[in-house]
Amino acid sequence: MGRAWVSDASFSFSRHTIDSIDALKNPVDGANAEIVQLGSGQISGNLSRATIGDVSFSKGSFSLPIRASGVLSETRLTVGVILECSGCLRARQGTGHRGDFLIHPPGFDHHCVFTSGASFAGLCIDTIDMAAIFNREGRLADPSFWTRPIQCRPHDHRAAAELERRLRLVFAHLASQKSLPVSTGDFLKMSVVEAFAAPVIDASVASQSSSTASAIKIVSEVENYVDGRSFRLVHISELCGHLKISRRTLHRCFDDALGIGPGTFLRQKRLCSVHSMLRRLDPRTANVTQVATDFGFLELGRFAKQYRQLFGEYPNETLRK
């Protein structure tokens, strides 16, 4: 993975080349998302992250469909923006498209399925600070407004493009600095925050689909059940019995939330866990067979084929990287 890094007491900046789903687990400094690769092939992209004072922001891209989930921040507000996406985004807040802004309150367990590769931007900021920016904007000045998940589309269709342009300029400036005067840091920080915040003022809020929300809830319950069994293989009939739903309902929920069936998704999630583990292990001492069986893959020939179909390489190739 390529990386450039510069930091001091007031700011930090890093640039990464994405060659694995692991690089997307921290879309904004401090975040820890779970990523499941849904599309086949070797993922690629880039990610730039910066922090000025107590505000973090980022811009990135990835080439394949993914599912991102988990809590982005336990204590701060996260604003995500879809800069480019040839497909769509399935989220708890609704279906998203290019130019949409998604607001994730502190502690919110987000669920985002990108049906294609995409580029995005993110901001992590204290809820009180965000509300203060809107001190003359009615409900937006109330911190409680920012404690619920919201998806909105700015009336100005150029908002996402302007945000991307602003981030590009700020990142270029930070990359060239060894230190940052306080006044310059404050100006750059407010420039970025305004680019994320201002479009929300006149944006139309999307209505949440109750069926999608229910489907995502079922998917989460399935994942929690399976995760609690230490990667033991779980049959569909066992899941239906635990959730007290029919097979048809289970499949419909996964199709609505993820676009694929439960068996396929759970297998790809385990394959992603193997992929991440192999990238962390020492190739001189690690054993692919042991890792595969630890994650419930008992037919090793079939496992290797499925792994290559998803990641475009065999597991021993991942281990040697």
C-alpha atoms as a PDB file:
ATOM      1  CA  MET A   1       0.000   0.000   0.000  1.00  0.00           C
ATOM      2  CA  GLY A   2       1.383   3.393  -0.946  1.00  0.00           C
ATOM      3  CA  ARG A   3       1.335   6.058   1.728  1.00  0.00           C
ATOM      4  CA  ALA A   4       2.397   9.667   2.245  1.00  0.00           C
ATOM      5  CA  TRP A   5       2.281  11.143   5.754  1.00  0.00           C
ATOM      6  CA  VAL A   6       2.860  14.534   7.336  1.00  0.00           C
ATOM      7  CA  SER A   7       1.684  15.715  10.746  1.00  0.00           C
ATOM      8  CA  ASP A   8       2.266  18.101  13.637  1.00  0.00           C
ATOM      9  CA  ALA A   9       0.400  19.129  16.785  1.00  0.00           C
ATOM     10  CA  SER A  10      -2.359  20.973  14.878  1.00  0.00           C
ATOM     11  CA  PHE A  11      -2.966  18.844  11.800  1.00  0.00           C
ATOM     12  CA  SER A  12      -2.296  15.530  10.106  1.00  0.00           C
ATOM     13  CA  PHE A  13      -2.597  14.346   6.537  1.00  0.00           C
ATOM     14  CA  SER A  14      -2.241  10.912   4.938  1.00  0.00           C
ATOM     15  CA  ARG A  15      -2.745   9.544   1.452  1.00  0.00           C
ATOM     16  CA  HIS A  16      -3.257   5.837   0.779  1.00  0.00           C
ATOM     17  CA  THR A  17      -3.553   3.626  -2.288  1.00  0.00           C
ATOM     18  CA  ILE A  18      -6.369   1.101  -1.764  1.00  0.00           C
ATOM     19  CA  ASP A  19      -5.507  -2.460  -2.737  1.00  0.00           C
ATOM     20  CA  SER A  20      -7.639  -4.251  -0.143  1.00  0.00           C
ATOM     21  CA  ILE A  21     -10.947  -3.840   1.667  1.00  0.00           C
ATOM     22  CA  ASP A  22      -8.937  -3.325   4.868  1.00  0.00           C
ATOM     23  CA  ALA A  23      -7.941   0.161   3.689  1.00  0.00           C
ATOM     24  CA  LEU A  24     -11.623   1.171   3.700  1.00  0.00           C
ATOM     25  CA  LYS A  25     -12.207   0.258   7.349  1.00  0.00           C
ATOM     26  CA  ASN A  26     -11.090   3.745   8.422  1.00  0.00           C
ATOM     27  CA  PRO A  27     -12.841   6.062   5.951  1.00  0.00           C
ATOM     28  CA  VAL A  28     -12.392   8.938   8.434  1.00  0.00           C
ATOM     29  CA  ASP A  29      -9.775   9.093  11.199  1.00  0.00           C
ATOM     30  CA  GLY A  30     -11.098   7.259  14.255  1.00  0.00           C
ATOM     31  CA  ALA A  31     -13.675   5.186  12.370  1.00  0.00           C
ATOM     32  CA  ASN A  32     -13.719   1.393  12.379  1.00  0.00           C
ATOM     33  CA  ALA A  33     -16.131   0.066   9.766  1.00  0.00           C
ATOM     34  CA  GLU A  34     -16.675  -3.551   8.754  1.00  0.00           C
ATOM     35  CA  ILE A  35     -16.291  -3.998   4.992  1.00  0.00           C
ATOM     36  CA  VAL A  36     -17.613  -6.938   2.978  1.00  0.00           C
ATOM     37  CA  GLN A  37     -16.591  -7.078  -0.678  1.00  0.00           C
ATOM     38  CA  LEU A  38     -19.637  -7.910  -2.804  1.00  0.00           C
ATOM     39  CA  GLY A  39     -18.164  -7.582  -6.305  1.00  0.00           C
ATOM     40  CA  SER A  40     -15.575  -9.929  -7.794  1.00  0.00           C
ATOM     41  CA  GLY A  41     -11.995  -8.882  -8.561  1.00  0.00           C
ATOM     42  CA  GLN A  42      -9.110  -6.999  -6.999  1.00  0.00           C
ATOM     43  CA  ILE A  43     -10.381  -3.795  -5.424  1.00  0.00           C
ATOM     44  CA  SER A  44      -8.515  -0.572  -6.109  1.00  0.00           C
ATOM     45  CA  GLY A  45      -8.866   3.097  -5.276  1.00  0.00           C
ATOM     46  CA  ASN A  46      -7.407   5.803  -3.080  1.00  0.00           C
ATOM     47  CA  LEU A  47      -8.076   7.480   0.252  1.00  0.00           C
ATOM     48  CA  SER A  48      -6.926  10.856   1.586  1.00  0.00           C
ATOM     49  CA  ARG A  49      -7.552  11.671   5.263  1.00  0.00           C
ATOM     50  CA  ALA A  50      -6.836  14.781   7.277  1.00  0.00           C
ATOM     51  CA  THR A  51      -7.418  16.151  10.747  1.00  0.00           C
ATOM     52  CA  ILE A  52      -7.214  19.808  11.716  1.00  0.00           C
ATOM     53  CA  GLY A  53      -7.748  20.398  15.410  1.00  0.00           C
ATOM     54  CA  ASP A  54     -10.753  18.314  16.418  1.00  0.00           C
ATOM     55  CA  VAL A  55     -12.260  17.952  12.922  1.00  0.00           C
ATOM     56  CA  SER A  56     -11.462  15.014  10.621  1.00  0.00           C
ATOM     57  CA  PHE A  57     -12.334  14.749   6.928  1.00  0.00           C
ATOM     58  CA  SER A  58     -11.565  12.507   3.990  1.00  0.00           C
ATOM     59  CA  LYS A  59     -12.061  11.778   0.300  1.00  0.00           C
ATOM     60  CA  GLY A  60     -11.763   8.344  -1.254  1.00  0.00           C
ATOM     61  CA  SER A  61     -12.781   5.961  -4.009  1.00  0.00           C
ATOM     62  CA  PHE A  62     -13.118   2.219  -4.564  1.00  0.00           C
ATOM     63  CA  SER A  63     -13.717   0.157  -7.677  1.00  0.00           C
ATOM     64  CA  LEU A  64     -16.083  -2.636  -6.606  1.00  0.00           C
ATOM     65  CA  PRO A  65     -19.451  -3.056  -4.832  1.00  0.00           C
ATOM     66  CA  ILE A  66     -19.108  -3.273  -1.035  1.00  0.00           C
ATOM     67  CA  ARG A  67     -21.175  -3.338   2.148  1.00  0.00           C
ATOM     68  CA  ALA A  68     -19.966  -1.060   4.944  1.00  0.00           C
ATOM     69  CA  SER A  69     -21.421  -1.321   8.447  1.00  0.00           C
ATOM     70  CA  GLY A  70     -20.676  -0.552  12.070  1.00  0.00           C
ATOM     71  CA  VAL A  71     -20.392   2.553  14.215  1.00  0.00           C
ATOM     72  CA  LEU A  72     -18.285   5.261  12.564  1.00  0.00           C
ATOM     73  CA  SER A  73     -17.917   7.244  15.788  1.00  0.00           C
ATOM     74  CA  GLU A  74     -19.256   6.699  19.287  1.00  0.00           C
ATOM     75  CA  THR A  75     -18.947  10.362  20.248  1.00  0.00           C
ATOM     76  CA  ARG A  76     -19.043  12.504  17.101  1.00  0.00           C
ATOM     77  CA  LEU A  77     -21.285  13.233  14.148  1.00  0.00           C
ATOM     78  CA  THR A  78     -20.262  11.816  10.765  1.00  0.00           C
ATOM     79  CA  VAL A  79     -21.431  13.317   7.461  1.00  0.00           C
ATOM     80  CA  GLY A  80     -20.891  11.225   4.334  1.00  0.00           C
ATOM     81  CA  VAL A  81     -21.322  12.397   0.747  1.00  0.00           C
ATOM     82  CA  ILE A  82     -21.648  10.294  -2.411  1.00  0.00           C
ATOM     83  CA  LEU A  83     -19.408  12.108  -4.890  1.00  0.00           C
ATOM     84  CA  GLU A  84     -19.720   9.595  -7.735  1.00  0.00           C
ATOM     85  CA  CYS A  85     -21.601   6.301  -8.056  1.00  0.00           C
ATOM     86  CA  SER A  86     -22.800   4.638 -11.248  1.00  0.00           C
ATOM     87  CA  GLY A  87     -25.131   2.452  -9.207  1.00  0.00           C
ATOM     88  CA  CYS A  88     -26.951   3.344  -6.004  1.00  0.00           C
ATOM     89  CA  LEU A  89     -26.540   3.194  -2.242  1.00  0.00           C
ATOM     90  CA  ARG A  90     -28.819   1.126   0.005  1.00  0.00           C
ATOM     91  CA  ALA A  91     -28.770   2.590   3.502  1.00  0.00           C
ATOM     92  CA  ARG A  92     -30.896   2.585   6.648  1.00  0.00           C
ATOM     93  CA  GLN A  93     -31.979   6.111   5.720  1.00  0.00           C
ATOM     94  CA  GLY A  94     -33.131   5.091   2.221  1.00  0.00           C
ATOM     95  CA  THR A  95     -31.762   4.661  -1.300  1.00  0.00           C
ATOM     96  CA  GLY A  96     -28.994   7.101  -2.134  1.00  0.00           C
ATOM     97  CA  HIS A  97     -27.489   8.380  -5.361  1.00  0.00           C
ATOM     98  CA  ARG A  98     -24.715  10.650  -6.579  1.00  0.00           C
ATOM     99  CA  GLY A  99     -24.722  13.969  -4.694  1.00  0.00           C
ATOM    100  CA  ASP A 100     -26.619  12.757  -1.623  1.00  0.00           C
ATOM    101  CA  PHE A 101     -25.506  13.665   1.920  1.00  0.00           C
ATOM    102  CA  LEU A 102     -25.884  11.088   4.724  1.00  0.00           C
ATOM    103  CA  ILE A 103     -25.787  12.136   8.371  1.00  0.00           C
ATOM    104  CA  HIS A 104     -24.748   9.490  10.906  1.00  0.00           C
ATOM    105  CA  PRO A 105     -25.229  10.582  14.550  1.00  0.00           C
ATOM    106  CA  PRO A 106     -22.842   9.462  17.310  1.00  0.00           C
ATOM    107  CA  GLY A 107     -23.147   5.752  18.066  1.00  0.00           C
ATOM    108  CA  PHE A 108     -25.282   5.068  14.970  1.00  0.00           C
ATOM    109  CA  ASP A 109     -24.795   1.584  13.509  1.00  0.00           C
ATOM    110  CA  HIS A 110     -24.798   2.414   9.819  1.00  0.00           C
ATOM    111  CA  HIS A 111     -25.458   0.021   6.944  1.00  0.00           C
ATOM    112  CA  CYS A 112     -24.408   1.124   3.449  1.00  0.00           C
ATOM    113  CA  VAL A 113     -24.435  -1.100   0.371  1.00  0.00           C
ATOM    114  CA  PHE A 114     -22.773   0.403  -2.705  1.00  0.00           C
ATOM    115  CA  THR A 115     -24.013  -1.496  -5.768  1.00  0.00           C
ATOM    116  CA  SER A 116     -21.037  -0.277  -7.805  1.00  0.00           C
ATOM    117  CA  GLY A 117     -17.673   1.342  -7.281  1.00  0.00           C
ATOM    118  CA  ALA A 118     -17.959   4.873  -5.955  1.00  0.00           C
ATOM    119  CA  SER A 119     -16.137   7.917  -4.637  1.00  0.00           C
ATOM    120  CA  PHE A 120     -17.068   9.542  -1.343  1.00  0.00           C
ATOM    121  CA  ALA A 121     -16.217  12.241   1.153  1.00  0.00           C
ATOM    122  CA  GLY A 122     -16.596  12.201   4.924  1.00  0.00           C
ATOM    123  CA  LEU A 123     -16.534  14.628   7.843  1.00  0.00           C
ATOM    124  CA  CYS A 124     -16.331  13.811  11.554  1.00  0.00           C
ATOM    125  CA  ILE A 125     -17.213  16.674  13.919  1.00  0.00           C
ATOM    126  CA  ASP A 126     -18.665  17.287  17.372  1.00  0.00           C
ATOM    127  CA  THR A 127     -22.465  17.573  17.306  1.00  0.00           C
ATOM    128  CA  ILE A 128     -22.416  20.812  19.310  1.00  0.00           C
ATOM    129  CA  ASP A 129     -19.931  22.361  16.888  1.00  0.00           C
ATOM    130  CA  MET A 130     -22.089  21.417  13.905  1.00  0.00           C
ATOM    131  CA  ALA A 131     -25.198  22.907  15.504  1.00  0.00           C
ATOM    132  CA  ALA A 132     -23.277  26.112  16.262  1.00  0.00           C
ATOM    133  CA  ILE A 133     -22.565  26.589  12.557  1.00  0.00           C
ATOM    134  CA  PHE A 134     -26.322  26.818  11.976  1.00  0.00           C
ATOM    135  CA  ASN A 135     -26.980  29.238  14.846  1.00  0.00           C
ATOM    136  CA  ARG A 136     -29.487  31.215  12.723  1.00  0.00           C
ATOM    137  CA  GLU A 137     -30.997  28.317  10.805  1.00  0.00           C
ATOM    138  CA  GLY A 138     -33.895  27.230  13.029  1.00  0.00           C
ATOM    139  CA  ARG A 139     -34.031  23.503  13.716  1.00  0.00           C
ATOM    140  CA  LEU A 140     -30.509  22.970  12.379  1.00  0.00           C
ATOM    141  CA  ALA A 141     -29.204  25.027  15.314  1.00  0.00           C
ATOM    142  CA  ASP A 142     -30.699  22.501  17.750  1.00  0.00           C
ATOM    143  CA  PRO A 143     -28.117  19.800  18.617  1.00  0.00           C
ATOM    144  CA  SER A 144     -30.943  17.254  18.890  1.00  0.00           C
ATOM    145  CA  PHE A 145     -31.534  17.605  15.119  1.00  0.00           C
ATOM    146  CA  TRP A 146     -28.151  15.956  14.567  1.00  0.00           C
ATOM    147  CA  THR A 147     -28.865  12.969  16.815  1.00  0.00           C
ATOM    148  CA  ARG A 148     -30.916  11.084  14.233  1.00  0.00           C
ATOM    149  CA  PRO A 149     -29.864   9.538  10.916  1.00  0.00           C
ATOM    150  CA  ILE A 150     -30.774  11.690   7.916  1.00  0.00           C
ATOM    151  CA  GLN A 151     -30.317  11.363   4.176  1.00  0.00           C
ATOM    152  CA  CYS A 152     -30.785  14.491   2.106  1.00  0.00           C
ATOM    153  CA  ARG A 153     -30.268  15.821  -1.404  1.00  0.00           C
ATOM    154  CA  PRO A 154     -29.111  19.448  -1.794  1.00  0.00           C
ATOM    155  CA  HIS A 155     -31.131  21.600  -4.169  1.00  0.00           C
ATOM    156  CA  ASP A 156     -27.861  22.790  -5.674  1.00  0.00           C
ATOM    157  CA  HIS A 157     -26.775  19.833  -7.805  1.00  0.00           C
ATOM    158  CA  ARG A 158     -23.226  21.241  -7.858  1.00  0.00           C
ATOM    159  CA  ALA A 159     -22.775  20.891  -4.079  1.00  0.00           C
ATOM    160  CA  ALA A 160     -20.943  17.540  -4.202  1.00  0.00           C
ATOM    161  CA  ALA A 161     -18.652  18.708  -7.014  1.00  0.00           C
ATOM    162  CA  GLU A 162     -17.846  21.916  -5.117  1.00  0.00           C
ATOM    163  CA  LEU A 163     -17.120  19.907  -1.979  1.00  0.00           C
ATOM    164  CA  GLU A 164     -14.757  17.638  -3.907  1.00  0.00           C
ATOM    165  CA  ARG A 165     -12.964  20.658  -5.414  1.00  0.00           C
ATOM    166  CA  ARG A 166     -12.592  22.221  -1.960  1.00  0.00           C
ATOM    167  CA  LEU A 167     -11.176  19.025  -0.475  1.00  0.00           C
ATOM    168  CA  ARG A 168      -8.715  18.644  -3.322  1.00  0.00           C
ATOM    169  CA  LEU A 169      -7.346  22.136  -2.689  1.00  0.00           C
ATOM    170  CA  VAL A 170      -7.124  21.678   1.082  1.00  0.00           C
ATOM    171  CA  PHE A 171      -5.412  18.290   0.774  1.00  0.00           C
ATOM    172  CA  ALA A 172      -2.883  19.709  -1.689  1.00  0.00           C
ATOM    173  CA  HIS A 173      -2.093  22.520   0.745  1.00  0.00           C
ATOM    174  CA  LEU A 174      -1.741  20.195   3.747  1.00  0.00           C
ATOM    175  CA  ALA A 175       0.480  17.786   1.814  1.00  0.00           C
ATOM    176  CA  SER A 176       2.963  20.584   1.159  1.00  0.00           C
ATOM    177  CA  GLN A 177       3.150  21.820   4.781  1.00  0.00           C
ATOM    178  CA  LYS A 178       5.424  20.769   7.626  1.00  0.00           C
ATOM    179  CA  SER A 179       3.637  23.036  10.087  1.00  0.00           C
ATOM    180  CA  LEU A 180       0.406  24.991  10.019  1.00  0.00           C
ATOM    181  CA  PRO A 181      -0.189  28.400  11.634  1.00  0.00           C
ATOM    182  CA  VAL A 182      -3.258  28.411  13.870  1.00  0.00           C
ATOM    183  CA  SER A 183      -5.001  31.054  11.766  1.00  0.00           C
ATOM    184  CA  THR A 184      -4.426  29.084   8.557  1.00  0.00           C
ATOM    185  CA  GLY A 185      -5.587  25.869  10.191  1.00  0.00           C
ATOM    186  CA  ASP A 186      -8.791  27.520  11.434  1.00  0.00           C
ATOM    187  CA  PHE A 187      -9.488  28.960   7.971  1.00  0.00           C
ATOM    188  CA  LEU A 188      -8.969  25.624   6.205  1.00  0.00           C
ATOM    189  CA  LYS A 189     -11.033  23.772   8.803  1.00  0.00           C
ATOM    190  CA  MET A 190     -13.993  26.127   8.470  1.00  0.00           C
ATOM    191  CA  SER A 191     -13.693  26.035   4.687  1.00  0.00           C
ATOM    192  CA  VAL A 192     -14.119  22.262   4.733  1.00  0.00           C
ATOM    193  CA  VAL A 193     -16.868  22.209   7.375  1.00  0.00           C
ATOM    194  CA  GLU A 194     -18.869  24.844   5.474  1.00  0.00           C
ATOM    195  CA  ALA A 195     -18.616  22.779   2.281  1.00  0.00           C
ATOM    196  CA  PHE A 196     -20.152  19.815   4.111  1.00  0.00           C
ATOM    197  CA  ALA A 197     -22.680  21.801   6.150  1.00  0.00           C
ATOM    198  CA  ALA A 198     -24.048  24.555   3.890  1.00  0.00           C
ATOM    199  CA  PRO A 199     -25.732  22.238   1.325  1.00  0.00           C
ATOM    200  CA  VAL A 200     -27.825  20.679   4.123  1.00  0.00           C
ATOM    201  CA  ILE A 201     -29.653  23.965   4.800  1.00  0.00           C
ATOM    202  CA  ASP A 202     -31.855  23.820   1.702  1.00  0.00           C
ATOM    203  CA  ALA A 203     -31.688  20.066   1.109  1.00  0.00           C
ATOM    204  CA  SER A 204     -34.743  17.869   0.788  1.00  0.00           C
ATOM    205  CA  VAL A 205     -34.806  15.024   3.311  1.00  0.00           C
ATOM    206  CA  ALA A 206     -35.453  11.561   1.902  1.00  0.00           C
ATOM    207  CA  SER A 207     -38.231   9.515   3.443  1.00  0.00           C
ATOM    208  CA  GLN A 208     -37.098   6.269   4.983  1.00  0.00           C
ATOM    209  CA  SER A 209     -38.436   3.053   3.494  1.00  0.00           C
ATOM    210  CA  SER A 210     -39.933   0.962   6.281  1.00  0.00           C
ATOM    211  CA  SER A 211     -39.455  -2.217   4.234  1.00  0.00           C
ATOM    212  CA  THR A 212     -35.743  -1.495   3.706  1.00  0.00           C
ATOM    213  CA  ALA A 213     -35.286  -0.650   7.378  1.00  0.00           C
ATOM    214  CA  SER A 214     -36.988  -3.916   8.367  1.00  0.00           C
ATOM    215  CA  ALA A 215     -34.851  -5.878   5.907  1.00  0.00           C
ATOM    216  CA  ILE A 216     -31.637  -4.357   7.276  1.00  0.00           C
ATOM    217  CA  LYS A 217     -32.758  -5.216  10.810  1.00  0.00           C
ATOM    218  CA  ILE A 218     -33.248  -8.863   9.822  1.00  0.00           C
ATOM    219  CA  VAL A 219     -29.821  -8.946   8.147  1.00  0.00           C
ATOM    220  CA  SER A 220     -28.223  -7.522  11.309  1.00  0.00           C
ATOM    221  CA  GLU A 221     -29.959 -10.120  13.472  1.00  0.00           C
ATOM    222  CA  VAL A 222     -28.700 -12.889  11.182  1.00  0.00           C
ATOM    223  CA  GLU A 223     -25.137 -11.537  11.354  1.00  0.00           C
ATOM    224  CA  ASN A 224     -25.263 -11.261  15.144  1.00  0.00           C
ATOM    225  CA  TYR A 225     -26.527 -14.842  15.413  1.00  0.00           C
ATOM    226  CA  VAL A 226     -23.864 -16.223  13.073  1.00  0.00           C
ATOM    227  CA  ASP A 227     -21.054 -14.171  14.651  1.00  0.00           C
ATOM    228  CA  GLY A 228     -22.029 -15.550  18.037  1.00  0.00           C
ATOM    229  CA  ARG A 229     -21.375 -19.081  16.808  1.00  0.00           C
ATOM    230  CA  SER A 230     -17.648 -18.542  16.164  1.00  0.00           C
ATOM    231  CA  PHE A 231     -17.922 -19.110  12.411  1.00  0.00           C
ATOM    232  CA  ARG A 232     -19.684 -22.451  12.768  1.00  0.00           C
ATOM    233  CA  LEU A 233     -21.613 -23.157   9.590  1.00  0.00           C
ATOM    234  CA  VAL A 234     -25.252 -22.224  10.123  1.00  0.00           C
ATOM    235  CA  HIS A 235     -28.008 -23.594   7.892  1.00  0.00           C
ATOM    236  CA  ILE A 236     -30.804 -21.451   6.512  1.00  0.00           C
ATOM    237  CA  SER A 237     -33.381 -23.545   8.371  1.00  0.00           C
ATOM    238  CA  GLU A 238     -31.585 -22.777  11.660  1.00  0.00           C
ATOM    239  CA  LEU A 239     -31.666 -19.037  10.906  1.00  0.00           C
ATOM    240  CA  CYS A 240     -35.360 -19.138  10.022  1.00  0.00           C
ATOM    241  CA  GLY A 241     -36.124 -21.043  13.204  1.00  0.00           C
ATOM    242  CA  HIS A 242     -34.178 -18.573  15.338  1.00  0.00           C
ATOM    243  CA  LEU A 243     -35.815 -15.508  13.737  1.00  0.00           C
ATOM    244  CA  LYS A 244     -39.231 -17.178  13.390  1.00  0.00           C
ATOM    245  CA  ILE A 245     -39.563 -16.206   9.732  1.00  0.00           C
ATOM    246  CA  SER A 246     -40.028 -18.170   6.507  1.00  0.00           C
ATOM    247  CA  ARG A 247     -37.291 -18.891   3.983  1.00  0.00           C
ATOM    248  CA  ARG A 248     -39.040 -16.635   1.486  1.00  0.00           C
ATOM    249  CA  THR A 249     -39.030 -13.738   3.961  1.00  0.00           C
ATOM    250  CA  LEU A 250     -35.372 -14.279   4.794  1.00  0.00           C
ATOM    251  CA  HIS A 251     -34.343 -14.271   1.130  1.00  0.00           C
ATOM    252  CA  ARG A 252     -36.480 -11.222   0.388  1.00  0.00           C
ATOM    253  CA  CYS A 253     -34.890  -9.291   3.257  1.00  0.00           C
ATOM    254  CA  PHE A 254     -31.369 -10.058   2.060  1.00  0.00           C
ATOM    255  CA  ASP A 255     -32.286  -9.161  -1.505  1.00  0.00           C
ATOM    256  CA  ASP A 256     -33.809  -5.835  -0.385  1.00  0.00           C
ATOM    257  CA  ALA A 257     -30.890  -4.948   1.908  1.00  0.00           C
ATOM    258  CA  LEU A 258     -27.905  -6.385   0.027  1.00  0.00           C
ATOM    259  CA  GLY A 259     -28.984  -7.496  -3.424  1.00  0.00           C
ATOM    260  CA  ILE A 260     -27.794 -11.082  -2.828  1.00  0.00           C
ATOM    261  CA  GLY A 261     -29.035 -14.136  -0.938  1.00  0.00           C
ATOM    262  CA  PRO A 262     -28.169 -14.971   2.693  1.00  0.00           C
ATOM    263  CA  GLY A 263     -25.926 -17.924   1.859  1.00  0.00           C
ATOM    264  CA  THR A 264     -23.877 -15.951  -0.660  1.00  0.00           C
ATOM    265  CA  PHE A 265     -23.479 -12.957   1.645  1.00  0.00           C
ATOM    266  CA  LEU A 266     -22.470 -14.959   4.712  1.00  0.00           C
ATOM    267  CA  ARG A 267     -19.913 -16.891   2.656  1.00  0.00           C
ATOM    268  CA  GLN A 268     -18.458 -13.678   1.208  1.00  0.00           C
ATOM    269  CA  LYS A 269     -18.310 -12.157   4.676  1.00  0.00           C
ATOM    270  CA  ARG A 270     -16.285 -15.133   5.921  1.00  0.00           C
ATOM    271  CA  LEU A 271     -14.039 -14.926   2.859  1.00  0.00           C
ATOM    272  CA  CYS A 272     -13.410 -11.257   3.667  1.00  0.00           C
ATOM    273  CA  SER A 273     -12.458 -12.238   7.215  1.00  0.00           C
ATOM    274  CA  VAL A 274      -9.957 -14.750   5.836  1.00  0.00           C
ATOM    275  CA  HIS A 275      -8.613 -12.127   3.418  1.00  0.00           C
ATOM    276  CA  SER A 276      -8.042  -9.620   6.231  1.00  0.00           C
ATOM    277  CA  MET A 277      -6.407 -12.226   8.445  1.00  0.00           C
ATOM    278  CA  LEU A 278      -4.020 -13.396   5.706  1.00  0.00           C
ATOM    279  CA  ARG A 279      -2.887  -9.825   5.096  1.00  0.00           C
ATOM    280  CA  ARG A 280      -1.993  -9.443   8.785  1.00  0.00           C
ATOM    281  CA  LEU A 281      -0.116 -12.717   9.246  1.00  0.00           C
ATOM    282  CA  ASP A 282       3.580 -13.428   8.747  1.00  0.00           C
ATOM    283  CA  PRO A 283       3.894 -15.531   5.544  1.00  0.00           C
ATOM    284  CA  ARG A 284       6.897 -17.330   7.027  1.00  0.00           C
ATOM    285  CA  THR A 285       4.821 -18.915   9.787  1.00  0.00           C
ATOM    286  CA  ALA A 286       1.162 -18.644   8.717  1.00  0.00           C
ATOM    287  CA  ASN A 287      -0.805 -21.576   7.343  1.00  0.00           C
ATOM    288  CA  VAL A 288      -3.607 -20.914   4.834  1.00  0.00           C
ATOM    289  CA  THR A 289      -5.316 -24.203   5.641  1.00  0.00           C
ATOM    290  CA  GLN A 290      -5.477 -23.383   9.345  1.00  0.00           C
ATOM    291  CA  VAL A 291      -6.889 -19.892   8.695  1.00  0.00           C
ATOM    292  CA  ALA A 292      -9.511 -21.264   6.295  1.00  0.00           C
ATOM    293  CA  THR A 293     -10.701 -23.929   8.715  1.00  0.00           C
ATOM    294  CA  ASP A 294     -10.752 -21.420  11.576  1.00  0.00           C
ATOM    295  CA  PHE A 295     -13.360 -19.494   9.592  1.00  0.00           C
ATOM    296  CA  GLY A 296     -15.468 -22.537   8.779  1.00  0.00           C
ATOM    297  CA  PHE A 297     -14.138 -23.530   5.345  1.00  0.00           C
ATOM    298  CA  LEU A 298     -13.703 -27.301   5.412  1.00  0.00           C
ATOM    299  CA  GLU A 299     -13.612 -28.106   1.657  1.00  0.00           C
ATOM    300  CA  LEU A 300     -10.264 -26.479   0.889  1.00  0.00           C
ATOM    301  CA  GLY A 301     -10.340 -26.901  -2.887  1.00  0.00           C
ATOM    302  CA  ARG A 302     -13.750 -25.271  -3.059  1.00  0.00           C
ATOM    303  CA  PHE A 303     -12.612 -22.566  -0.652  1.00  0.00           C
ATOM    304  CA  ALA A 304      -9.615 -21.654  -2.846  1.00  0.00           C
ATOM    305  CA  LYS A 305     -11.852 -21.418  -5.922  1.00  0.00           C
ATOM    306  CA  GLN A 306     -14.423 -19.236  -4.149  1.00  0.00           C
ATOM    307  CA  TYR A 307     -11.646 -17.038  -2.735  1.00  0.00           C
ATOM    308  CA  ARG A 308     -10.115 -16.483  -6.171  1.00  0.00           C
ATOM    309  CA  GLN A 309     -13.529 -15.742  -7.688  1.00  0.00           C
ATOM    310  CA  LEU A 310     -14.097 -12.981  -5.125  1.00  0.00           C
ATOM    311  CA  PHE A 311     -10.634 -11.425  -4.821  1.00  0.00           C
ATOM    312  CA  GLY A 312      -9.004 -12.265  -8.145  1.00  0.00           C
ATOM    313  CA  GLU A 313      -6.137 -14.115  -6.480  1.00  0.00           C
ATOM    314  CA  TYR A 314      -5.508 -17.291  -4.509  1.00  0.00           C
ATOM    315  CA  PRO A 315      -5.216 -17.119  -0.693  1.00  0.00           C
ATOM    316  CA  ASN A 316      -1.488 -17.949  -0.737  1.00  0.00           C
ATOM    317  CA  GLU A 317      -0.964 -14.952  -3.050  1.00  0.00           C
ATOM    318  CA  THR A 318      -2.676 -12.686  -0.516  1.00  0.00           C
ATOM    319  CA  LEU A 319      -0.498 -14.113   2.249  1.00  0.00           C
ATOM    320  CA  ARG A 320       2.712 -13.343   0.340  1.00  0.00           C
ATOM    321  CA  LYS A 321       1.836  -9.662  -0.217  1.00  0.00           C
END
